[in-house]
Amino acid sequence: ALWAAKRKAGGKLPEPARGSGAGIHMPPPSYWPFLAAWGILIFFVGFLVGVKLPIILAGAALLLVSVFNWAFEPVE
């Protein structure tokens, strides 16, 4: 709101420099973050439903495998 009020009053505000974005590095698309999120979900649902050890272990295993593979994913 303060920014809009100053702009409306005619005040000079600093503008960020525009760039081409040519030097920005973006990682390649990956499905490992999606699987890590599912692992977290399954892990905590196992605790919320009750002590269902196979569900908790399956969620933890999915989480660990996906985070490990996500961390060591080859960069192009």
PDB file of N, CA and C in Angstrom:
ATOM      1  N   ALA A   1       0.828  -1.183   0.000  1.00  0.00           N
ATOM      2  CA  ALA A   1       0.000   0.000   0.000  1.00  0.00           C
ATOM      3  C   ALA A   1       0.878   1.254   0.000  1.00  0.00           C
ATOM      4  N   LEU A   2       1.972   1.224   0.759  1.00  0.00           N
ATOM      5  CA  LEU A   2       2.866   2.374   0.811  1.00  0.00           C
ATOM      6  C   LEU A   2       3.490   2.617  -0.558  1.00  0.00           C
ATOM      7  N   TRP A   3       3.874   1.560  -1.233  1.00  0.00           N
ATOM      8  CA  TRP A   3       4.464   1.675  -2.571  1.00  0.00           C
ATOM      9  C   TRP A   3       3.474   2.340  -3.532  1.00  0.00           C
ATOM     10  N   ALA A   4       2.230   1.907  -3.508  1.00  0.00           N
ATOM     11  CA  ALA A   4       1.212   2.468  -4.405  1.00  0.00           C
ATOM     12  C   ALA A   4       0.927   3.929  -4.058  1.00  0.00           C
ATOM     13  N   ALA A   5       0.912   4.263  -2.757  1.00  0.00           N
ATOM     14  CA  ALA A   5       0.658   5.647  -2.343  1.00  0.00           C
ATOM     15  C   ALA A   5       1.787   6.568  -2.809  1.00  0.00           C
ATOM     16  N   LYS A   6       3.033   6.131  -2.687  1.00  0.00           N
ATOM     17  CA  LYS A   6       4.160   6.945  -3.142  1.00  0.00           C
ATOM     18  C   LYS A   6       4.125   7.103  -4.660  1.00  0.00           C
ATOM     19  N   ARG A   7       3.774   6.063  -5.369  1.00  0.00           N
ATOM     20  CA  ARG A   7       3.723   6.127  -6.820  1.00  0.00           C
ATOM     21  C   ARG A   7       2.600   7.072  -7.268  1.00  0.00           C
ATOM     22  N   LYS A   8       1.473   7.028  -6.574  1.00  0.00           N
ATOM     23  CA  LYS A   8       0.350   7.883  -6.912  1.00  0.00           C
ATOM     24  C   LYS A   8       0.686   9.357  -6.642  1.00  0.00           C
ATOM     25  N   ALA A   9       1.485   9.606  -5.603  1.00  0.00           N
ATOM     26  CA  ALA A   9       1.873  10.971  -5.246  1.00  0.00           C
ATOM     27  C   ALA A   9       2.936  11.520  -6.189  1.00  0.00           C
ATOM     28  N   GLY A  10       3.465  10.699  -7.067  1.00  0.00           N
ATOM     29  CA  GLY A  10       4.465  11.155  -8.035  1.00  0.00           C
ATOM     30  C   GLY A  10       5.886  11.019  -7.549  1.00  0.00           C
ATOM     31  N   GLY A  11       6.095  10.307  -6.452  1.00  0.00           N
ATOM     32  CA  GLY A  11       7.448  10.110  -5.934  1.00  0.00           C
ATOM     33  C   GLY A  11       8.254   9.200  -6.838  1.00  0.00           C
ATOM     34  N   LYS A  12       9.558   9.417  -6.863  1.00  0.00           N
ATOM     35  CA  LYS A  12      10.441   8.593  -7.693  1.00  0.00           C
ATOM     36  C   LYS A  12      10.875   7.378  -6.874  1.00  0.00           C
ATOM     37  N   LEU A  13      10.655   6.213  -7.399  1.00  0.00           N
ATOM     38  CA  LEU A  13      11.017   4.980  -6.719  1.00  0.00           C
ATOM     39  C   LEU A  13      12.040   4.224  -7.558  1.00  0.00           C
ATOM     40  N   PRO A  14      12.973   3.534  -6.894  1.00  0.00           N
ATOM     41  CA  PRO A  14      13.964   2.772  -7.656  1.00  0.00           C
ATOM     42  C   PRO A  14      13.325   1.564  -8.331  1.00  0.00           C
ATOM     43  N   GLU A  15      13.663   1.367  -9.554  1.00  0.00           N
ATOM     44  CA  GLU A  15      13.173   0.224 -10.314  1.00  0.00           C
ATOM     45  C   GLU A  15      14.320  -0.768 -10.490  1.00  0.00           C
ATOM     46  N   PRO A  16      14.058  -2.053 -10.367  1.00  0.00           N
ATOM     47  CA  PRO A  16      15.124  -3.027 -10.604  1.00  0.00           C
ATOM     48  C   PRO A  16      15.526  -3.043 -12.070  1.00  0.00           C
ATOM     49  N   ALA A  17      16.797  -3.305 -12.302  1.00  0.00           N
ATOM     50  CA  ALA A  17      17.304  -3.344 -13.672  1.00  0.00           C
ATOM     51  C   ALA A  17      16.734  -4.567 -14.398  1.00  0.00           C
ATOM     52  N   ARG A  18      16.350  -4.376 -15.611  1.00  0.00           N
ATOM     53  CA  ARG A  18      15.833  -5.476 -16.423  1.00  0.00           C
ATOM     54  C   ARG A  18      17.005  -6.251 -17.005  1.00  0.00           C
ATOM     55  N   GLY A  19      16.901  -7.556 -16.978  1.00  0.00           N
ATOM     56  CA  GLY A  19      17.958  -8.402 -17.526  1.00  0.00           C
ATOM     57  C   GLY A  19      17.383  -9.402 -18.503  1.00  0.00           C
ATOM     58  N   SER A  20      18.259 -10.011 -19.255  1.00  0.00           N
ATOM     59  CA  SER A  20      17.795 -10.983 -20.245  1.00  0.00           C
ATOM     60  C   SER A  20      17.541 -12.353 -19.622  1.00  0.00           C
ATOM     61  N   GLY A  21      18.181 -12.639 -18.488  1.00  0.00           N
ATOM     62  CA  GLY A  21      18.014 -13.937 -17.851  1.00  0.00           C
ATOM     63  C   GLY A  21      18.838 -15.031 -18.495  1.00  0.00           C
ATOM     64  N   ALA A  22      19.823 -14.638 -19.310  1.00  0.00           N
ATOM     65  CA  ALA A  22      20.617 -15.628 -20.031  1.00  0.00           C
ATOM     66  C   ALA A  22      21.526 -16.432 -19.113  1.00  0.00           C
ATOM     67  N   GLY A  23      21.977 -15.863 -17.995  1.00  0.00           N
ATOM     68  CA  GLY A  23      22.903 -16.571 -17.116  1.00  0.00           C
ATOM     69  C   GLY A  23      22.244 -17.342 -16.000  1.00  0.00           C
ATOM     70  N   ILE A  24      20.915 -17.418 -15.982  1.00  0.00           N
ATOM     71  CA  ILE A  24      20.203 -18.103 -14.901  1.00  0.00           C
ATOM     72  C   ILE A  24      20.201 -19.602 -15.176  1.00  0.00           C
ATOM     73  N   HIS A  25      20.650 -20.369 -14.190  1.00  0.00           N
ATOM     74  CA  HIS A  25      20.680 -21.831 -14.315  1.00  0.00           C
ATOM     75  C   HIS A  25      19.461 -22.411 -13.613  1.00  0.00           C
ATOM     76  N   MET A  26      18.700 -23.187 -14.334  1.00  0.00           N
ATOM     77  CA  MET A  26      17.541 -23.865 -13.759  1.00  0.00           C
ATOM     78  C   MET A  26      17.789 -25.368 -13.804  1.00  0.00           C
ATOM     79  N   PRO A  27      17.428 -26.079 -12.730  1.00  0.00           N
ATOM     80  CA  PRO A  27      17.617 -27.529 -12.749  1.00  0.00           C
ATOM     81  C   PRO A  27      16.653 -28.186 -13.728  1.00  0.00           C
ATOM     82  N   PRO A  28      17.001 -29.369 -14.219  1.00  0.00           N
ATOM     83  CA  PRO A  28      16.088 -30.061 -15.133  1.00  0.00           C
ATOM     84  C   PRO A  28      14.840 -30.538 -14.387  1.00  0.00           C
ATOM     85  N   PRO A  29      13.750 -30.747 -15.074  1.00  0.00           N
ATOM     86  CA  PRO A  29      12.540 -31.229 -14.410  1.00  0.00           C
ATOM     87  C   PRO A  29      12.757 -32.620 -13.817  1.00  0.00           C
ATOM     88  N   SER A  30      12.153 -32.853 -12.675  1.00  0.00           N
ATOM     89  CA  SER A  30      12.346 -34.113 -11.976  1.00  0.00           C
ATOM     90  C   SER A  30      11.058 -34.509 -11.262  1.00  0.00           C
ATOM     91  N   TYR A  31      10.834 -35.805 -11.116  1.00  0.00           N
ATOM     92  CA  TYR A  31       9.677 -36.277 -10.384  1.00  0.00           C
ATOM     93  C   TYR A  31      10.045 -36.676  -8.953  1.00  0.00           C
ATOM     94  N   TRP A  32      11.315 -36.582  -8.564  1.00  0.00           N
ATOM     95  CA  TRP A  32      11.735 -36.967  -7.217  1.00  0.00           C
ATOM     96  C   TRP A  32      11.127 -36.084  -6.120  1.00  0.00           C
ATOM     97  N   PRO A  33      10.977 -34.768  -6.306  1.00  0.00           N
ATOM     98  CA  PRO A  33      10.305 -33.986  -5.250  1.00  0.00           C
ATOM     99  C   PRO A  33       8.861 -34.425  -5.019  1.00  0.00           C
ATOM    100  N   PHE A  34       8.183 -34.809  -6.077  1.00  0.00           N
ATOM    101  CA  PHE A  34       6.804 -35.299  -5.960  1.00  0.00           C
ATOM    102  C   PHE A  34       6.767 -36.588  -5.139  1.00  0.00           C
ATOM    103  N   LEU A  35       7.705 -37.498  -5.412  1.00  0.00           N
ATOM    104  CA  LEU A  35       7.739 -38.753  -4.652  1.00  0.00           C
ATOM    105  C   LEU A  35       8.160 -38.525  -3.206  1.00  0.00           C
ATOM    106  N   ALA A  36       9.042 -37.555  -2.974  1.00  0.00           N
ATOM    107  CA  ALA A  36       9.434 -37.227  -1.596  1.00  0.00           C
ATOM    108  C   ALA A  36       8.226 -36.696  -0.823  1.00  0.00           C
ATOM    109  N   ALA A  37       7.411 -35.878  -1.464  1.00  0.00           N
ATOM    110  CA  ALA A  37       6.207 -35.367  -0.808  1.00  0.00           C
ATOM    111  C   ALA A  37       5.244 -36.501  -0.474  1.00  0.00           C
ATOM    112  N   TRP A  38       5.110 -37.455  -1.371  1.00  0.00           N
ATOM    113  CA  TRP A  38       4.260 -38.617  -1.088  1.00  0.00           C
ATOM    114  C   TRP A  38       4.824 -39.442   0.066  1.00  0.00           C
ATOM    115  N   GLY A  39       6.157 -39.575   0.120  1.00  0.00           N
ATOM    116  CA  GLY A  39       6.773 -40.304   1.230  1.00  0.00           C
ATOM    117  C   GLY A  39       6.496 -39.643   2.571  1.00  0.00           C
ATOM    118  N   ILE A  40       6.578 -38.304   2.604  1.00  0.00           N
ATOM    119  CA  ILE A  40       6.265 -37.580   3.839  1.00  0.00           C
ATOM    120  C   ILE A  40       4.802 -37.795   4.220  1.00  0.00           C
ATOM    121  N   LEU A  41       3.925 -37.705   3.231  1.00  0.00           N
ATOM    122  CA  LEU A  41       2.499 -37.898   3.492  1.00  0.00           C
ATOM    123  C   LEU A  41       2.222 -39.287   4.058  1.00  0.00           C
ATOM    124  N   ILE A  42       2.744 -40.304   3.422  1.00  0.00           N
ATOM    125  CA  ILE A  42       2.510 -41.690   3.877  1.00  0.00           C
ATOM    126  C   ILE A  42       3.105 -41.908   5.262  1.00  0.00           C
ATOM    127  N   PHE A  43       4.285 -41.357   5.506  1.00  0.00           N
ATOM    128  CA  PHE A  43       4.953 -41.502   6.799  1.00  0.00           C
ATOM    129  C   PHE A  43       4.093 -40.926   7.922  1.00  0.00           C
ATOM    130  N   PHE A  44       3.593 -39.701   7.734  1.00  0.00           N
ATOM    131  CA  PHE A  44       2.819 -39.071   8.793  1.00  0.00           C
ATOM    132  C   PHE A  44       1.398 -39.618   8.900  1.00  0.00           C
ATOM    133  N   VAL A  45       0.841 -40.087   7.813  1.00  0.00           N
ATOM    134  CA  VAL A  45      -0.477 -40.737   7.897  1.00  0.00           C
ATOM    135  C   VAL A  45      -0.360 -42.011   8.719  1.00  0.00           C
ATOM    136  N   GLY A  46       0.764 -42.706   8.609  1.00  0.00           N
ATOM    137  CA  GLY A  46       0.978 -43.892   9.426  1.00  0.00           C
ATOM    138  C   GLY A  46       0.958 -43.577  10.913  1.00  0.00           C
ATOM    139  N   PHE A  47       1.504 -42.412  11.297  1.00  0.00           N
ATOM    140  CA  PHE A  47       1.458 -42.015  12.697  1.00  0.00           C
ATOM    141  C   PHE A  47       0.063 -41.558  13.113  1.00  0.00           C
ATOM    142  N   LEU A  48      -0.638 -40.845  12.226  1.00  0.00           N
ATOM    143  CA  LEU A  48      -1.945 -40.323  12.587  1.00  0.00           C
ATOM    144  C   LEU A  48      -3.010 -41.403  12.680  1.00  0.00           C
ATOM    145  N   VAL A  49      -2.918 -42.410  11.832  1.00  0.00           N
ATOM    146  CA  VAL A  49      -3.903 -43.488  11.843  1.00  0.00           C
ATOM    147  C   VAL A  49      -3.704 -44.366  13.068  1.00  0.00           C
ATOM    148  N   GLY A  50      -2.518 -44.505  13.499  1.00  0.00           N
ATOM    149  CA  GLY A  50      -2.166 -45.365  14.618  1.00  0.00           C
ATOM    150  C   GLY A  50      -0.803 -45.942  14.333  1.00  0.00           C
ATOM    151  N   VAL A  51      -0.331 -46.757  15.195  1.00  0.00           N
ATOM    152  CA  VAL A  51       0.996 -47.328  15.001  1.00  0.00           C
ATOM    153  C   VAL A  51       0.891 -48.476  14.001  1.00  0.00           C
ATOM    154  N   LYS A  52       0.969 -48.112  12.745  1.00  0.00           N
ATOM    155  CA  LYS A  52       0.960 -49.087  11.654  1.00  0.00           C
ATOM    156  C   LYS A  52       2.387 -49.129  11.121  1.00  0.00           C
ATOM    157  N   LEU A  53       3.201 -49.971  11.672  1.00  0.00           N
ATOM    158  CA  LEU A  53       4.621 -50.002  11.348  1.00  0.00           C
ATOM    159  C   LEU A  53       4.913 -50.214   9.872  1.00  0.00           C
ATOM    160  N   PRO A  54       4.211 -51.082   9.159  1.00  0.00           N
ATOM    161  CA  PRO A  54       4.512 -51.232   7.726  1.00  0.00           C
ATOM    162  C   PRO A  54       4.243 -49.951   6.926  1.00  0.00           C
ATOM    163  N   ILE A  55       3.192 -49.211   7.276  1.00  0.00           N
ATOM    164  CA  ILE A  55       2.898 -47.962   6.573  1.00  0.00           C
ATOM    165  C   ILE A  55       3.971 -46.926   6.871  1.00  0.00           C
ATOM    166  N   ILE A  56       4.369 -46.820   8.138  1.00  0.00           N
ATOM    167  CA  ILE A  56       5.408 -45.863   8.530  1.00  0.00           C
ATOM    168  C   ILE A  56       6.720 -46.193   7.835  1.00  0.00           C
ATOM    169  N   LEU A  57       7.082 -47.458   7.797  1.00  0.00           N
ATOM    170  CA  LEU A  57       8.332 -47.857   7.152  1.00  0.00           C
ATOM    171  C   LEU A  57       8.283 -47.661   5.642  1.00  0.00           C
ATOM    172  N   ALA A  58       7.129 -47.896   5.029  1.00  0.00           N
ATOM    173  CA  ALA A  58       7.006 -47.682   3.589  1.00  0.00           C
ATOM    174  C   ALA A  58       7.149 -46.200   3.259  1.00  0.00           C
ATOM    175  N   GLY A  59       6.540 -45.342   4.045  1.00  0.00           N
ATOM    176  CA  GLY A  59       6.674 -43.907   3.826  1.00  0.00           C
ATOM    177  C   GLY A  59       8.101 -43.432   4.037  1.00  0.00           C
ATOM    178  N   ALA A  60       8.753 -43.939   5.091  1.00  0.00           N
ATOM    179  CA  ALA A  60      10.135 -43.549   5.357  1.00  0.00           C
ATOM    180  C   ALA A  60      11.065 -44.039   4.251  1.00  0.00           C
ATOM    181  N   ALA A  61      10.834 -45.245   3.767  1.00  0.00           N
ATOM    182  CA  ALA A  61      11.677 -45.779   2.693  1.00  0.00           C
ATOM    183  C   ALA A  61      11.488 -44.983   1.408  1.00  0.00           C
ATOM    184  N   LEU A  62      10.248 -44.664   1.067  1.00  0.00           N
ATOM    185  CA  LEU A  62       9.990 -43.862  -0.131  1.00  0.00           C
ATOM    186  C   LEU A  62      10.623 -42.485   0.000  1.00  0.00           C
ATOM    187  N   LEU A  63      10.518 -41.885   1.164  1.00  0.00           N
ATOM    188  CA  LEU A  63      11.116 -40.571   1.401  1.00  0.00           C
ATOM    189  C   LEU A  63      12.628 -40.625   1.269  1.00  0.00           C
ATOM    190  N   LEU A  64      13.266 -41.590   1.905  1.00  0.00           N
ATOM    191  CA  LEU A  64      14.729 -41.682   1.861  1.00  0.00           C
ATOM    192  C   LEU A  64      15.251 -41.973   0.455  1.00  0.00           C
ATOM    193  N   VAL A  65      14.598 -42.883  -0.241  1.00  0.00           N
ATOM    194  CA  VAL A  65      15.032 -43.220  -1.595  1.00  0.00           C
ATOM    195  C   VAL A  65      14.860 -42.028  -2.532  1.00  0.00           C
ATOM    196  N   SER A  66      13.731 -41.341  -2.428  1.00  0.00           N
ATOM    197  CA  SER A  66      13.499 -40.219  -3.334  1.00  0.00           C
ATOM    198  C   SER A  66      14.407 -39.040  -3.023  1.00  0.00           C
ATOM    199  N   VAL A  67      14.666 -38.748  -1.754  1.00  0.00           N
ATOM    200  CA  VAL A  67      15.579 -37.645  -1.413  1.00  0.00           C
ATOM    201  C   VAL A  67      17.002 -37.985  -1.858  1.00  0.00           C
ATOM    202  N   PHE A  68      17.425 -39.230  -1.670  1.00  0.00           N
ATOM    203  CA  PHE A  68      18.757 -39.637  -2.100  1.00  0.00           C
ATOM    204  C   PHE A  68      18.904 -39.506  -3.616  1.00  0.00           C
ATOM    205  N   ASN A  69      17.931 -40.012  -4.357  1.00  0.00           N
ATOM    206  CA  ASN A  69      17.999 -39.922  -5.819  1.00  0.00           C
ATOM    207  C   ASN A  69      17.861 -38.491  -6.317  1.00  0.00           C
ATOM    208  N   TRP A  70      17.088 -37.675  -5.616  1.00  0.00           N
ATOM    209  CA  TRP A  70      16.943 -36.274  -5.979  1.00  0.00           C
ATOM    210  C   TRP A  70      18.262 -35.523  -5.764  1.00  0.00           C
ATOM    211  N   ALA A  71      18.956 -35.843  -4.668  1.00  0.00           N
ATOM    212  CA  ALA A  71      20.214 -35.162  -4.362  1.00  0.00           C
ATOM    213  C   ALA A  71      21.315 -35.547  -5.337  1.00  0.00           C
ATOM    214  N   PHE A  72      21.335 -36.784  -5.768  1.00  0.00           N
ATOM    215  CA  PHE A  72      22.405 -37.246  -6.666  1.00  0.00           C
ATOM    216  C   PHE A  72      21.946 -37.396  -8.098  1.00  0.00           C
ATOM    217  N   GLU A  73      20.940 -36.642  -8.487  1.00  0.00           N
ATOM    218  CA  GLU A  73      20.461 -36.655  -9.857  1.00  0.00           C
ATOM    219  C   GLU A  73      21.502 -35.987 -10.761  1.00  0.00           C
ATOM    220  N   PRO A  74      21.802 -36.588 -11.898  1.00  0.00           N
ATOM    221  CA  PRO A  74      22.821 -35.976 -12.783  1.00  0.00           C
ATOM    222  C   PRO A  74      22.360 -34.629 -13.322  1.00  0.00           C
ATOM    223  N   VAL A  75      23.295 -33.691 -13.341  1.00  0.00           N
ATOM    224  CA  VAL A  75      23.010 -32.355 -13.861  1.00  0.00           C
ATOM    225  C   VAL A  75      23.527 -32.297 -15.296  1.00  0.00           C
ATOM    226  N   GLU A  76      22.691 -31.816 -16.181  1.00  0.00           N
ATOM    227  CA  GLU A  76      23.066 -31.769 -17.592  1.00  0.00           C
ATOM    228  C   GLU A  76      23.941 -30.564 -17.886  1.00  0.00           C
TER     229      GLU A  76
END
